[in-house]
Amino acid sequence: APDGTRRWITEVPGLPFDVWKMVAVPDDRTVKNRWHWDVVCDDVP
């Protein structure tokens, strides 16, 4: 990312955006996310 940390994800097959960014924050989640994503996976274990 621009700050020099490797927190951006690229070349995600099927992702309709250029990148997937993780942004560092100091606080933990307190409620269920209102936005989430689905994946296809045959190996949940």
All heavy atoms as atom14 arrays in JSON, in Angstrom:
{
  "sequence": "APDGTRRWITEVPGLPFDVWKMVAVPDDRTVKNRWHWDVVCDDVP",
  "atom14_mask": [
    [1, 1, 1, 1, 1, 0, 0, 0, 0, 0, 0, 0, 0, 0],
    [1, 1, 1, 1, 1, 1, 1, 0, 0, 0, 0, 0, 0, 0],
    [1, 1, 1, 1, 1, 1, 1, 1, 0, 0, 0, 0, 0, 0],
    [1, 1, 1, 1, 0, 0, 0, 0, 0, 0, 0, 0, 0, 0],
    [1, 1, 1, 1, 1, 1, 1, 0, 0, 0, 0, 0, 0, 0],
    [1, 1, 1, 1, 1, 1, 1, 1, 1, 1, 1, 0, 0, 0],
    [1, 1, 1, 1, 1, 1, 1, 1, 1, 1, 1, 0, 0, 0],
    [1, 1, 1, 1, 1, 1, 1, 1, 1, 1, 1, 1, 1, 1],
    [1, 1, 1, 1, 1, 1, 1, 1, 0, 0, 0, 0, 0, 0],
    [1, 1, 1, 1, 1, 1, 1, 0, 0, 0, 0, 0, 0, 0],
    [1, 1, 1, 1, 1, 1, 1, 1, 1, 0, 0, 0, 0, 0],
    [1, 1, 1, 1, 1, 1, 1, 0, 0, 0, 0, 0, 0, 0],
    [1, 1, 1, 1, 1, 1, 1, 0, 0, 0, 0, 0, 0, 0],
    [1, 1, 1, 1, 0, 0, 0, 0, 0, 0, 0, 0, 0, 0],
    [1, 1, 1, 1, 1, 1, 1, 1, 0, 0, 0, 0, 0, 0],
    [1, 1, 1, 1, 1, 1, 1, 0, 0, 0, 0, 0, 0, 0],
    [1, 1, 1, 1, 1, 1, 1, 1, 1, 1, 1, 0, 0, 0],
    [1, 1, 1, 1, 1, 1, 1, 1, 0, 0, 0, 0, 0, 0],
    [1, 1, 1, 1, 1, 1, 1, 0, 0, 0, 0, 0, 0, 0],
    [1, 1, 1, 1, 1, 1, 1, 1, 1, 1, 1, 1, 1, 1],
    [1, 1, 1, 1, 1, 1, 1, 1, 1, 0, 0, 0, 0, 0],
    [1, 1, 1, 1, 1, 1, 1, 1, 0, 0, 0, 0, 0, 0],
    [1, 1, 1, 1, 1, 1, 1, 0, 0, 0, 0, 0, 0, 0],
    [1, 1, 1, 1, 1, 0, 0, 0, 0, 0, 0, 0, 0, 0],
    [1, 1, 1, 1, 1, 1, 1, 0, 0, 0, 0, 0, 0, 0],
    [1, 1, 1, 1, 1, 1, 1, 0, 0, 0, 0, 0, 0, 0],
    [1, 1, 1, 1, 1, 1, 1, 1, 0, 0, 0, 0, 0, 0],
    [1, 1, 1, 1, 1, 1, 1, 1, 0, 0, 0, 0, 0, 0],
    [1, 1, 1, 1, 1, 1, 1, 1, 1, 1, 1, 0, 0, 0],
    [1, 1, 1, 1, 1, 1, 1, 0, 0, 0, 0, 0, 0, 0],
    [1, 1, 1, 1, 1, 1, 1, 0, 0, 0, 0, 0, 0, 0],
    [1, 1, 1, 1, 1, 1, 1, 1, 1, 0, 0, 0, 0, 0],
    [1, 1, 1, 1, 1, 1, 1, 1, 0, 0, 0, 0, 0, 0],
    [1, 1, 1, 1, 1, 1, 1, 1, 1, 1, 1, 0, 0, 0],
    [1, 1, 1, 1, 1, 1, 1, 1, 1, 1, 1, 1, 1, 1],
    [1, 1, 1, 1, 1, 1, 1, 1, 1, 1, 0, 0, 0, 0],
    [1, 1, 1, 1, 1, 1, 1, 1, 1, 1, 1, 1, 1, 1],
    [1, 1, 1, 1, 1, 1, 1, 1, 0, 0, 0, 0, 0, 0],
    [1, 1, 1, 1, 1, 1, 1, 0, 0, 0, 0, 0, 0, 0],
    [1, 1, 1, 1, 1, 1, 1, 0, 0, 0, 0, 0, 0, 0],
    [1, 1, 1, 1, 1, 1, 0, 0, 0, 0, 0, 0, 0, 0],
    [1, 1, 1, 1, 1, 1, 1, 1, 0, 0, 0, 0, 0, 0],
    [1, 1, 1, 1, 1, 1, 1, 1, 0, 0, 0, 0, 0, 0],
    [1, 1, 1, 1, 1, 1, 1, 0, 0, 0, 0, 0, 0, 0],
    [1, 1, 1, 1, 1, 1, 1, 0, 0, 0, 0, 0, 0, 0]
  ],
  "atom14_positions": [
    [[0.86, -1.18, 0.0], [0.0, 0.0, 0.0], [0.9, 1.24, 0.0], [2.12, 1.13, 0.16], [-0.89, -0.02, 1.23], [0.0, 0.0, 0.0], [0.0, 0.0, 0.0], [0.0, 0.0, 0.0], [0.0, 0.0, 0.0], [0.0, 0.0, 0.0], [0.0, 0.0, 0.0], [0.0, 0.0, 0.0], [0.0, 0.0, 0.0], [0.0, 0.0, 0.0]],
    [[0.33, 2.43, -0.17], [1.17, 3.64, -0.18], [2.01, 3.83, 1.08], [3.04, 4.5, 1.03], [0.14, 4.76, -0.34], [-0.98, 4.13, -1.1], [-1.05, 2.73, -0.59], [0.0, 0.0, 0.0], [0.0, 0.0, 0.0], [0.0, 0.0, 0.0], [0.0, 0.0, 0.0], [0.0, 0.0, 0.0], [0.0, 0.0, 0.0], [0.0, 0.0, 0.0]],
    [[1.59, 3.24, 2.21], [2.38, 3.4, 3.44], [3.51, 2.38, 3.55], [4.23, 2.35, 4.54], [1.47, 3.3, 4.67], [0.8, 1.94, 4.81], [1.05, 1.05, 3.98], [0.0, 1.78, 5.75], [0.0, 0.0, 0.0], [0.0, 0.0, 0.0], [0.0, 0.0, 0.0], [0.0, 0.0, 0.0], [0.0, 0.0, 0.0], [0.0, 0.0, 0.0]],
    [[3.67, 1.54, 2.51], [4.78, 0.58, 2.49], [4.46, -0.78, 3.08], [5.29, -1.69, 2.99], [0.0, 0.0, 0.0], [0.0, 0.0, 0.0], [0.0, 0.0, 0.0], [0.0, 0.0, 0.0], [0.0, 0.0, 0.0], [0.0, 0.0, 0.0], [0.0, 0.0, 0.0], [0.0, 0.0, 0.0], [0.0, 0.0, 0.0], [0.0, 0.0, 0.0]],
    [[3.28, -0.96, 3.67], [2.91, -2.25, 4.24], [2.19, -3.09, 3.18], [1.46, -2.57, 2.34], [2.0, -2.08, 5.47], [0.79, -1.39, 5.07], [2.69, -1.28, 6.54], [0.0, 0.0, 0.0], [0.0, 0.0, 0.0], [0.0, 0.0, 0.0], [0.0, 0.0, 0.0], [0.0, 0.0, 0.0], [0.0, 0.0, 0.0], [0.0, 0.0, 0.0]],
    [[2.38, -4.4, 3.24], [1.78, -5.29, 2.25], [0.37, -5.7, 2.72], [0.16, -6.81, 3.19], [2.66, -6.51, 2.02], [4.04, -6.17, 1.47], [4.82, -7.41, 1.11], [4.26, -8.11, -0.04], [4.54, -7.82, -1.3], [5.36, -6.83, -1.6], [3.99, -8.51, -2.29], [0.0, 0.0, 0.0], [0.0, 0.0, 0.0], [0.0, 0.0, 0.0]],
    [[-0.54, -4.76, 2.59], [-1.91, -4.98, 3.05], [-2.95, -4.85, 1.94], [-4.14, -4.8, 2.19], [-2.24, -4.03, 4.2], [-2.04, -2.56, 3.85], [-2.37, -1.66, 5.04], [-2.16, -0.25, 4.73], [-3.01, 0.51, 4.05], [-4.14, 0.01, 3.6], [-2.74, 1.79, 3.81], [0.0, 0.0, 0.0], [0.0, 0.0, 0.0], [0.0, 0.0, 0.0]],
    [[-2.49, -4.76, 0.69], [-3.38, -4.76, -0.46], [-3.3, -6.13, -1.13], [-2.21, -6.73, -1.2], [-3.01, -3.68, -1.47], [-3.39, -2.29, -1.06], [-3.77, -1.86, 0.18], [-3.39, -1.13, -1.9], [-4.02, -0.52, 0.16], [-3.8, -0.04, -1.09], [-3.1, -0.91, -3.24], [-3.91, 1.26, -1.61], [-3.22, 0.38, -3.76], [-3.62, 1.44, -2.95]],
    [[-4.43, -6.62, -1.61], [-4.48, -7.9, -2.32], [-4.83, -7.64, -3.78], [-5.8, -6.93, -4.08], [-5.53, -8.84, -1.71], [-5.38, -8.93, -0.18], [-5.43, -10.24, -2.32], [-6.51, -9.69, 0.49], [0.0, 0.0, 0.0], [0.0, 0.0, 0.0], [0.0, 0.0, 0.0], [0.0, 0.0, 0.0], [0.0, 0.0, 0.0], [0.0, 0.0, 0.0]],
    [[-4.04, -8.2, -4.68], [-4.28, -8.03, -6.12], [-4.4, -9.39, -6.78], [-4.09, -10.43, -6.19], [-3.15, -7.23, -6.78], [-1.9, -7.94, -6.6], [-3.03, -5.85, -6.17], [0.0, 0.0, 0.0], [0.0, 0.0, 0.0], [0.0, 0.0, 0.0], [0.0, 0.0, 0.0], [0.0, 0.0, 0.0], [0.0, 0.0, 0.0], [0.0, 0.0, 0.0]],
    [[-4.84, -9.36, -8.02], [-4.98, -10.57, -8.84], [-5.91, -11.59, -8.19], [-5.64, -12.78, -8.18], [-3.6, -11.19, -9.12], [-2.66, -10.24, -9.86], [-1.27, -10.82, -10.06], [-1.09, -12.04, -9.86], [-0.37, -10.05, -10.42], [0.0, 0.0, 0.0], [0.0, 0.0, 0.0], [0.0, 0.0, 0.0], [0.0, 0.0, 0.0], [0.0, 0.0, 0.0]],
    [[-7.01, -11.09, -7.63], [-8.03, -11.97, -7.06], [-8.97, -12.4, -8.19], [-9.7, -11.56, -8.72], [-8.84, -11.26, -5.95], [-9.89, -12.21, -5.38], [-7.92, -10.74, -4.87], [0.0, 0.0, 0.0], [0.0, 0.0, 0.0], [0.0, 0.0, 0.0], [0.0, 0.0, 0.0], [0.0, 0.0, 0.0], [0.0, 0.0, 0.0], [0.0, 0.0, 0.0]],
    [[-8.97, -13.66, -8.6], [-9.82, -14.09, -9.7], [-11.3, -13.78, -9.43], [-11.84, -14.15, -8.38], [-9.58, -15.6, -9.78], [-8.21, -15.79, -9.2], [-8.12, -14.77, -8.09], [0.0, 0.0, 0.0], [0.0, 0.0, 0.0], [0.0, 0.0, 0.0], [0.0, 0.0, 0.0], [0.0, 0.0, 0.0], [0.0, 0.0, 0.0], [0.0, 0.0, 0.0]],
    [[-11.94, -13.09, -10.35], [-13.36, -12.8, -10.23], [-13.71, -11.54, -9.47], [-14.85, -11.07, -9.54], [0.0, 0.0, 0.0], [0.0, 0.0, 0.0], [0.0, 0.0, 0.0], [0.0, 0.0, 0.0], [0.0, 0.0, 0.0], [0.0, 0.0, 0.0], [0.0, 0.0, 0.0], [0.0, 0.0, 0.0], [0.0, 0.0, 0.0], [0.0, 0.0, 0.0]],
    [[-12.77, -10.97, -8.71], [-13.07, -9.77, -7.95], [-13.37, -8.62, -8.91], [-12.56, -8.33, -9.79], [-11.88, -9.4, -7.05], [-12.1, -8.2, -6.11], [-13.01, -8.61, -4.95], [-10.76, -7.68, -5.58], [0.0, 0.0, 0.0], [0.0, 0.0, 0.0], [0.0, 0.0, 0.0], [0.0, 0.0, 0.0], [0.0, 0.0, 0.0], [0.0, 0.0, 0.0]],
    [[-14.52, -7.95, -8.75], [-14.88, -6.9, -9.71], [-14.26, -5.54, -9.41], [-14.73, -4.53, -9.92], [-16.41, -6.85, -9.57], [-16.67, -7.21, -8.15], [-15.61, -8.23, -7.8], [0.0, 0.0, 0.0], [0.0, 0.0, 0.0], [0.0, 0.0, 0.0], [0.0, 0.0, 0.0], [0.0, 0.0, 0.0], [0.0, 0.0, 0.0], [0.0, 0.0, 0.0]],
    [[-13.24, -5.51, -8.58], [-12.54, -4.28, -8.25], [-11.05, -4.47, -8.49], [-10.56, -5.59, -8.57], [-12.8, -3.9, -6.78], [-14.26, -3.93, -6.4], [-14.76, -4.98, -5.63], [-15.12, -2.96, -6.85], [-16.1, -5.04, -5.31], [-16.48, -3.01, -6.53], [-16.97, -4.04, -5.76], [0.0, 0.0, 0.0], [0.0, 0.0, 0.0], [0.0, 0.0, 0.0]],
    [[-10.31, -3.36, -8.59], [-8.88, -3.47, -8.91], [-8.11, -4.16, -7.8], [-7.22, -4.98, -8.07], [-8.29, -2.07, -9.14], [-8.91, -1.36, -10.35], [-9.27, -2.06, -11.32], [-9.05, -0.13, -10.3], [0.0, 0.0, 0.0], [0.0, 0.0, 0.0], [0.0, 0.0, 0.0], [0.0, 0.0, 0.0], [0.0, 0.0, 0.0], [0.0, 0.0, 0.0]],
    [[-8.4, -3.81, -6.56], [-7.67, -4.38, -5.43], [-8.64, -4.62, -4.28], [-9.76, -4.12, -4.25], [-6.53, -3.47, -4.95], [-5.51, -3.24, -6.04], [-7.07, -2.14, -4.44], [0.0, 0.0, 0.0], [0.0, 0.0, 0.0], [0.0, 0.0, 0.0], [0.0, 0.0, 0.0], [0.0, 0.0, 0.0], [0.0, 0.0, 0.0], [0.0, 0.0, 0.0]],
    [[-8.16, -5.38, -3.3], [-8.85, -5.59, -2.04], [-7.94, -5.0, -0.97], [-6.82, -5.48, -0.76], [-9.07, -7.08, -1.83], [-9.94, -7.47, -0.67], [-10.28, -6.69, 0.39], [-10.57, -8.73, -0.46], [-11.1, -7.39, 1.26], [-11.29, -8.65, 0.75], [-10.59, -9.92, -1.17], [-12.01, -9.71, 1.26], [-11.31, -10.98, -0.68], [-12.02, -10.89, 0.53]],
    [[-8.38, -3.93, -0.33], [-7.55, -3.23, 0.64], [-7.91, -3.63, 2.06], [-9.1, -3.66, 2.42], [-7.73, -1.71, 0.52], [-7.37, -1.1, -0.8], [-7.66, 0.4, -0.75], [-7.36, 1.09, -2.06], [-7.68, 2.54, -1.99], [0.0, 0.0, 0.0], [0.0, 0.0, 0.0], [0.0, 0.0, 0.0], [0.0, 0.0, 0.0], [0.0, 0.0, 0.0]],
    [[-6.92, -3.89, 2.88], [-7.09, -4.0, 4.31], [-6.54, -2.72, 4.94], [-5.4, -2.32, 4.62], [-6.37, -5.22, 4.87], [-6.8, -6.54, 4.24], [-8.55, -6.91, 4.48], [-8.71, -8.42, 3.52], [0.0, 0.0, 0.0], [0.0, 0.0, 0.0], [0.0, 0.0, 0.0], [0.0, 0.0, 0.0], [0.0, 0.0, 0.0], [0.0, 0.0, 0.0]],
    [[-7.33, -2.08, 5.76], [-6.94, -0.81, 6.38], [-6.79, -1.02, 7.88], [-7.71, -1.51, 8.54], [-7.97, 0.29, 6.1], [-7.6, 1.58, 6.84], [-8.07, 0.55, 4.6], [0.0, 0.0, 0.0], [0.0, 0.0, 0.0], [0.0, 0.0, 0.0], [0.0, 0.0, 0.0], [0.0, 0.0, 0.0], [0.0, 0.0, 0.0], [0.0, 0.0, 0.0]],
    [[-5.63, -0.66, 8.42], [-5.36, -0.86, 9.84], [-6.18, 0.12, 10.69], [-6.17, 1.32, 10.45], [-3.88, -0.68, 10.12], [0.0, 0.0, 0.0], [0.0, 0.0, 0.0], [0.0, 0.0, 0.0], [0.0, 0.0, 0.0], [0.0, 0.0, 0.0], [0.0, 0.0, 0.0], [0.0, 0.0, 0.0], [0.0, 0.0, 0.0], [0.0, 0.0, 0.0]],
    [[-6.88, -0.42, 11.68], [-7.64, 0.37, 12.64], [-7.34, -0.16, 14.04], [-7.0, -1.33, 14.2], [-9.17, 0.31, 12.38], [-9.51, 0.93, 11.02], [-9.67, -1.12, 12.45], [0.0, 0.0, 0.0], [0.0, 0.0, 0.0], [0.0, 0.0, 0.0], [0.0, 0.0, 0.0], [0.0, 0.0, 0.0], [0.0, 0.0, 0.0], [0.0, 0.0, 0.0]],
    [[-7.46, 0.67, 15.08], [-7.1, 0.21, 16.43], [-8.21, -0.52, 17.15], [-7.97, -1.19, 18.16], [-6.76, 1.52, 17.15], [-7.64, 2.53, 16.48], [-7.72, 2.12, 15.03], [0.0, 0.0, 0.0], [0.0, 0.0, 0.0], [0.0, 0.0, 0.0], [0.0, 0.0, 0.0], [0.0, 0.0, 0.0], [0.0, 0.0, 0.0], [0.0, 0.0, 0.0]],
    [[-9.45, -0.41, 16.66], [-10.59, -0.95, 17.4], [-11.1, -2.25, 16.8], [-11.09, -2.44, 15.6], [-11.74, 0.07, 17.42], [-12.13, 0.52, 16.02], [-11.23, 0.93, 15.26], [-13.32, 0.45, 15.67], [0.0, 0.0, 0.0], [0.0, 0.0, 0.0], [0.0, 0.0, 0.0], [0.0, 0.0, 0.0], [0.0, 0.0, 0.0], [0.0, 0.0, 0.0]],
    [[-11.54, -3.15, 17.68], [-12.15, -4.41, 17.25], [-13.59, -4.18, 16.81], [-14.22, -3.17, 17.14], [-12.12, -5.43, 18.39], [-10.72, -5.97, 18.64], [-10.05, -6.31, 17.65], [-10.32, -6.04, 19.81], [0.0, 0.0, 0.0], [0.0, 0.0, 0.0], [0.0, 0.0, 0.0], [0.0, 0.0, 0.0], [0.0, 0.0, 0.0], [0.0, 0.0, 0.0]],
    [[-14.11, -5.15, 16.1], [-15.52, -5.1, 15.7], [-16.42, -5.18, 16.93], [-16.1, -5.85, 17.9], [-15.85, -6.29, 14.78], [-15.27, -6.19, 13.4], [-15.49, -7.46, 12.58], [-16.15, -8.51, 13.32], [-17.39, -8.95, 13.07], [-18.11, -8.43, 12.12], [-17.91, -9.92, 13.78], [0.0, 0.0, 0.0], [0.0, 0.0, 0.0], [0.0, 0.0, 0.0]],
    [[-17.56, -4.51, 16.85], [-18.52, -4.56, 17.96], [-19.87, -5.14, 17.53], [-20.63, -5.62, 18.36], [-18.76, -3.16, 18.55], [-19.21, -2.27, 17.51], [-17.47, -2.61, 19.16], [0.0, 0.0, 0.0], [0.0, 0.0, 0.0], [0.0, 0.0, 0.0], [0.0, 0.0, 0.0], [0.0, 0.0, 0.0], [0.0, 0.0, 0.0], [0.0, 0.0, 0.0]],
    [[-20.18, -5.09, 16.23], [-21.44, -5.63, 15.73], [-21.17, -6.39, 14.44], [-20.1, -6.27, 13.84], [-22.47, -4.5, 15.46], [-22.81, -3.75, 16.73], [-21.97, -3.54, 14.38], [0.0, 0.0, 0.0], [0.0, 0.0, 0.0], [0.0, 0.0, 0.0], [0.0, 0.0, 0.0], [0.0, 0.0, 0.0], [0.0, 0.0, 0.0], [0.0, 0.0, 0.0]],
    [[-22.14, -7.16, 14.02], [-22.04, -7.9, 12.76], [-21.86, -6.93, 11.6], [-22.5, -5.88, 11.54], [-23.32, -8.73, 12.56], [-23.45, -9.43, 11.22], [-24.77, -10.19, 11.16], [-25.01, -10.81, 9.79], [-25.29, -9.78, 8.76], [0.0, 0.0, 0.0], [0.0, 0.0, 0.0], [0.0, 0.0, 0.0], [0.0, 0.0, 0.0], [0.0, 0.0, 0.0]],
    [[-20.97, -7.27, 10.66], [-20.79, -6.44, 9.47], [-22.08, -6.4, 8.64], [-22.71, -7.44, 8.43], [-19.67, -6.99, 8.59], [-18.29, -6.78, 9.2], [-18.13, -6.02, 10.14], [-17.3, -7.47, 8.65], [0.0, 0.0, 0.0], [0.0, 0.0, 0.0], [0.0, 0.0, 0.0], [0.0, 0.0, 0.0], [0.0, 0.0, 0.0], [0.0, 0.0, 0.0]],
    [[-22.44, -5.22, 8.16], [-23.59, -5.12, 7.26], [-23.22, -5.46, 5.82], [-24.1, -5.71, 5.0], [-24.21, -3.72, 7.34], [-24.93, -3.46, 8.66], [-25.6, -2.12, 8.69], [-26.81, -2.04, 7.89], [-28.02, -2.43, 8.3], [-28.18, -2.99, 9.49], [-29.07, -2.3, 7.52], [0.0, 0.0, 0.0], [0.0, 0.0, 0.0], [0.0, 0.0, 0.0]],
    [[-21.94, -5.44, 5.5], [-21.47, -5.88, 4.19], [-20.58, -7.1, 4.41], [-19.72, -7.1, 5.3], [-20.65, -4.78, 3.51], [-21.45, -3.61, 3.03], [-22.11, -2.69, 3.8], [-21.66, -3.22, 1.67], [-22.72, -1.76, 2.99], [-22.46, -2.05, 1.69], [-21.25, -3.74, 0.44], [-22.86, -1.4, 0.53], [-21.65, -3.08, -0.73], [-22.44, -1.93, -0.68]],
    [[-20.78, -8.13, 3.6], [-19.89, -9.29, 3.66], [-19.76, -9.86, 2.25], [-20.39, -9.38, 1.31], [-20.42, -10.36, 4.63], [-21.6, -11.13, 4.14], [-22.9, -10.76, 4.36], [-21.69, -12.28, 3.4], [-23.73, -11.62, 3.81], [-23.01, -12.57, 3.22], [0.0, 0.0, 0.0], [0.0, 0.0, 0.0], [0.0, 0.0, 0.0], [0.0, 0.0, 0.0]],
    [[-18.93, -10.86, 2.1], [-18.71, -11.46, 0.79], [-18.92, -12.95, 0.87], [-18.86, -13.57, 1.93], [-17.3, -11.14, 0.28], [-16.22, -11.44, 1.26], [-15.51, -12.6, 1.41], [-15.74, -10.57, 2.3], [-14.62, -12.51, 2.45], [-14.74, -11.26, 3.02], [-16.06, -9.26, 2.68], [-14.06, -10.71, 4.09], [-15.38, -8.71, 3.76], [-14.4, -9.41, 4.45]],
    [[-19.2, -13.54, -0.29], [-19.38, -14.98, -0.43], [-18.23, -15.55, -1.25], [-17.71, -14.88, -2.15], [-20.69, -15.32, -1.14], [-21.93, -14.88, -0.37], [-21.84, -14.72, 0.86], [-22.99, -14.71, -1.01], [0.0, 0.0, 0.0], [0.0, 0.0, 0.0], [0.0, 0.0, 0.0], [0.0, 0.0, 0.0], [0.0, 0.0, 0.0], [0.0, 0.0, 0.0]],
    [[-17.86, -16.78, -0.95], [-16.86, -17.48, -1.72], [-17.41, -18.85, -2.11], [-18.37, -19.35, -1.53], [-15.53, -17.65, -0.95], [-14.94, -16.3, -0.57], [-15.73, -18.53, 0.28], [0.0, 0.0, 0.0], [0.0, 0.0, 0.0], [0.0, 0.0, 0.0], [0.0, 0.0, 0.0], [0.0, 0.0, 0.0], [0.0, 0.0, 0.0], [0.0, 0.0, 0.0]],
    [[-16.78, -19.45, -3.09], [-17.05, -20.84, -3.46], [-15.93, -21.68, -2.88], [-14.75, -21.41, -3.12], [-17.12, -21.02, -4.99], [-17.32, -22.49, -5.34], [-18.25, -20.18, -5.58], [0.0, 0.0, 0.0], [0.0, 0.0, 0.0], [0.0, 0.0, 0.0], [0.0, 0.0, 0.0], [0.0, 0.0, 0.0], [0.0, 0.0, 0.0], [0.0, 0.0, 0.0]],
    [[-16.29, -22.69, -2.1], [-15.28, -23.52, -1.45], [-15.86, -24.89, -1.15], [-16.93, -25.0, -0.55], [-14.81, -22.86, -0.15], [-13.6, -23.84, 0.78], [0.0, 0.0, 0.0], [0.0, 0.0, 0.0], [0.0, 0.0, 0.0], [0.0, 0.0, 0.0], [0.0, 0.0, 0.0], [0.0, 0.0, 0.0], [0.0, 0.0, 0.0], [0.0, 0.0, 0.0]],
    [[-15.14, -25.94, -1.55], [-15.55, -27.3, -1.26], [-14.76, -27.91, -0.09], [-14.86, -29.1, 0.18], [-15.37, -28.19, -2.49], [-16.43, -27.91, -3.55], [-17.58, -27.62, -3.17], [-16.1, -27.97, -4.75], [0.0, 0.0, 0.0], [0.0, 0.0, 0.0], [0.0, 0.0, 0.0], [0.0, 0.0, 0.0], [0.0, 0.0, 0.0], [0.0, 0.0, 0.0]],
    [[-13.97, -27.09, 0.58], [-13.14, -27.59, 1.68], [-13.25, -26.65, 2.88], [-12.29, -25.95, 3.23], [-11.68, -27.72, 1.21], [-10.78, -28.36, 2.26], [-11.31, -28.88, 3.27], [-9.54, -28.33, 2.08], [0.0, 0.0, 0.0], [0.0, 0.0, 0.0], [0.0, 0.0, 0.0], [0.0, 0.0, 0.0], [0.0, 0.0, 0.0], [0.0, 0.0, 0.0]],
    [[-14.41, -26.63, 3.5], [-14.6, -25.8, 4.68], [-13.64, -26.22, 5.81], [-13.09, -25.36, 6.5], [-16.07, -25.82, 5.14], [-16.24, -25.16, 6.51], [-16.94, -25.12, 4.11], [0.0, 0.0, 0.0], [0.0, 0.0, 0.0], [0.0, 0.0, 0.0], [0.0, 0.0, 0.0], [0.0, 0.0, 0.0], [0.0, 0.0, 0.0], [0.0, 0.0, 0.0]],
    [[-13.41, -27.52, 6.04], [-12.42, -27.89, 7.05], [-11.04, -27.28, 6.78], [-10.3, -26.95, 7.71], [-12.38, -29.42, 6.98], [-13.75, -29.78, 6.51], [-14.11, -28.72, 5.52], [0.0, 0.0, 0.0], [0.0, 0.0, 0.0], [0.0, 0.0, 0.0], [0.0, 0.0, 0.0], [0.0, 0.0, 0.0], [0.0, 0.0, 0.0], [0.0, 0.0, 0.0]]
  ]
}
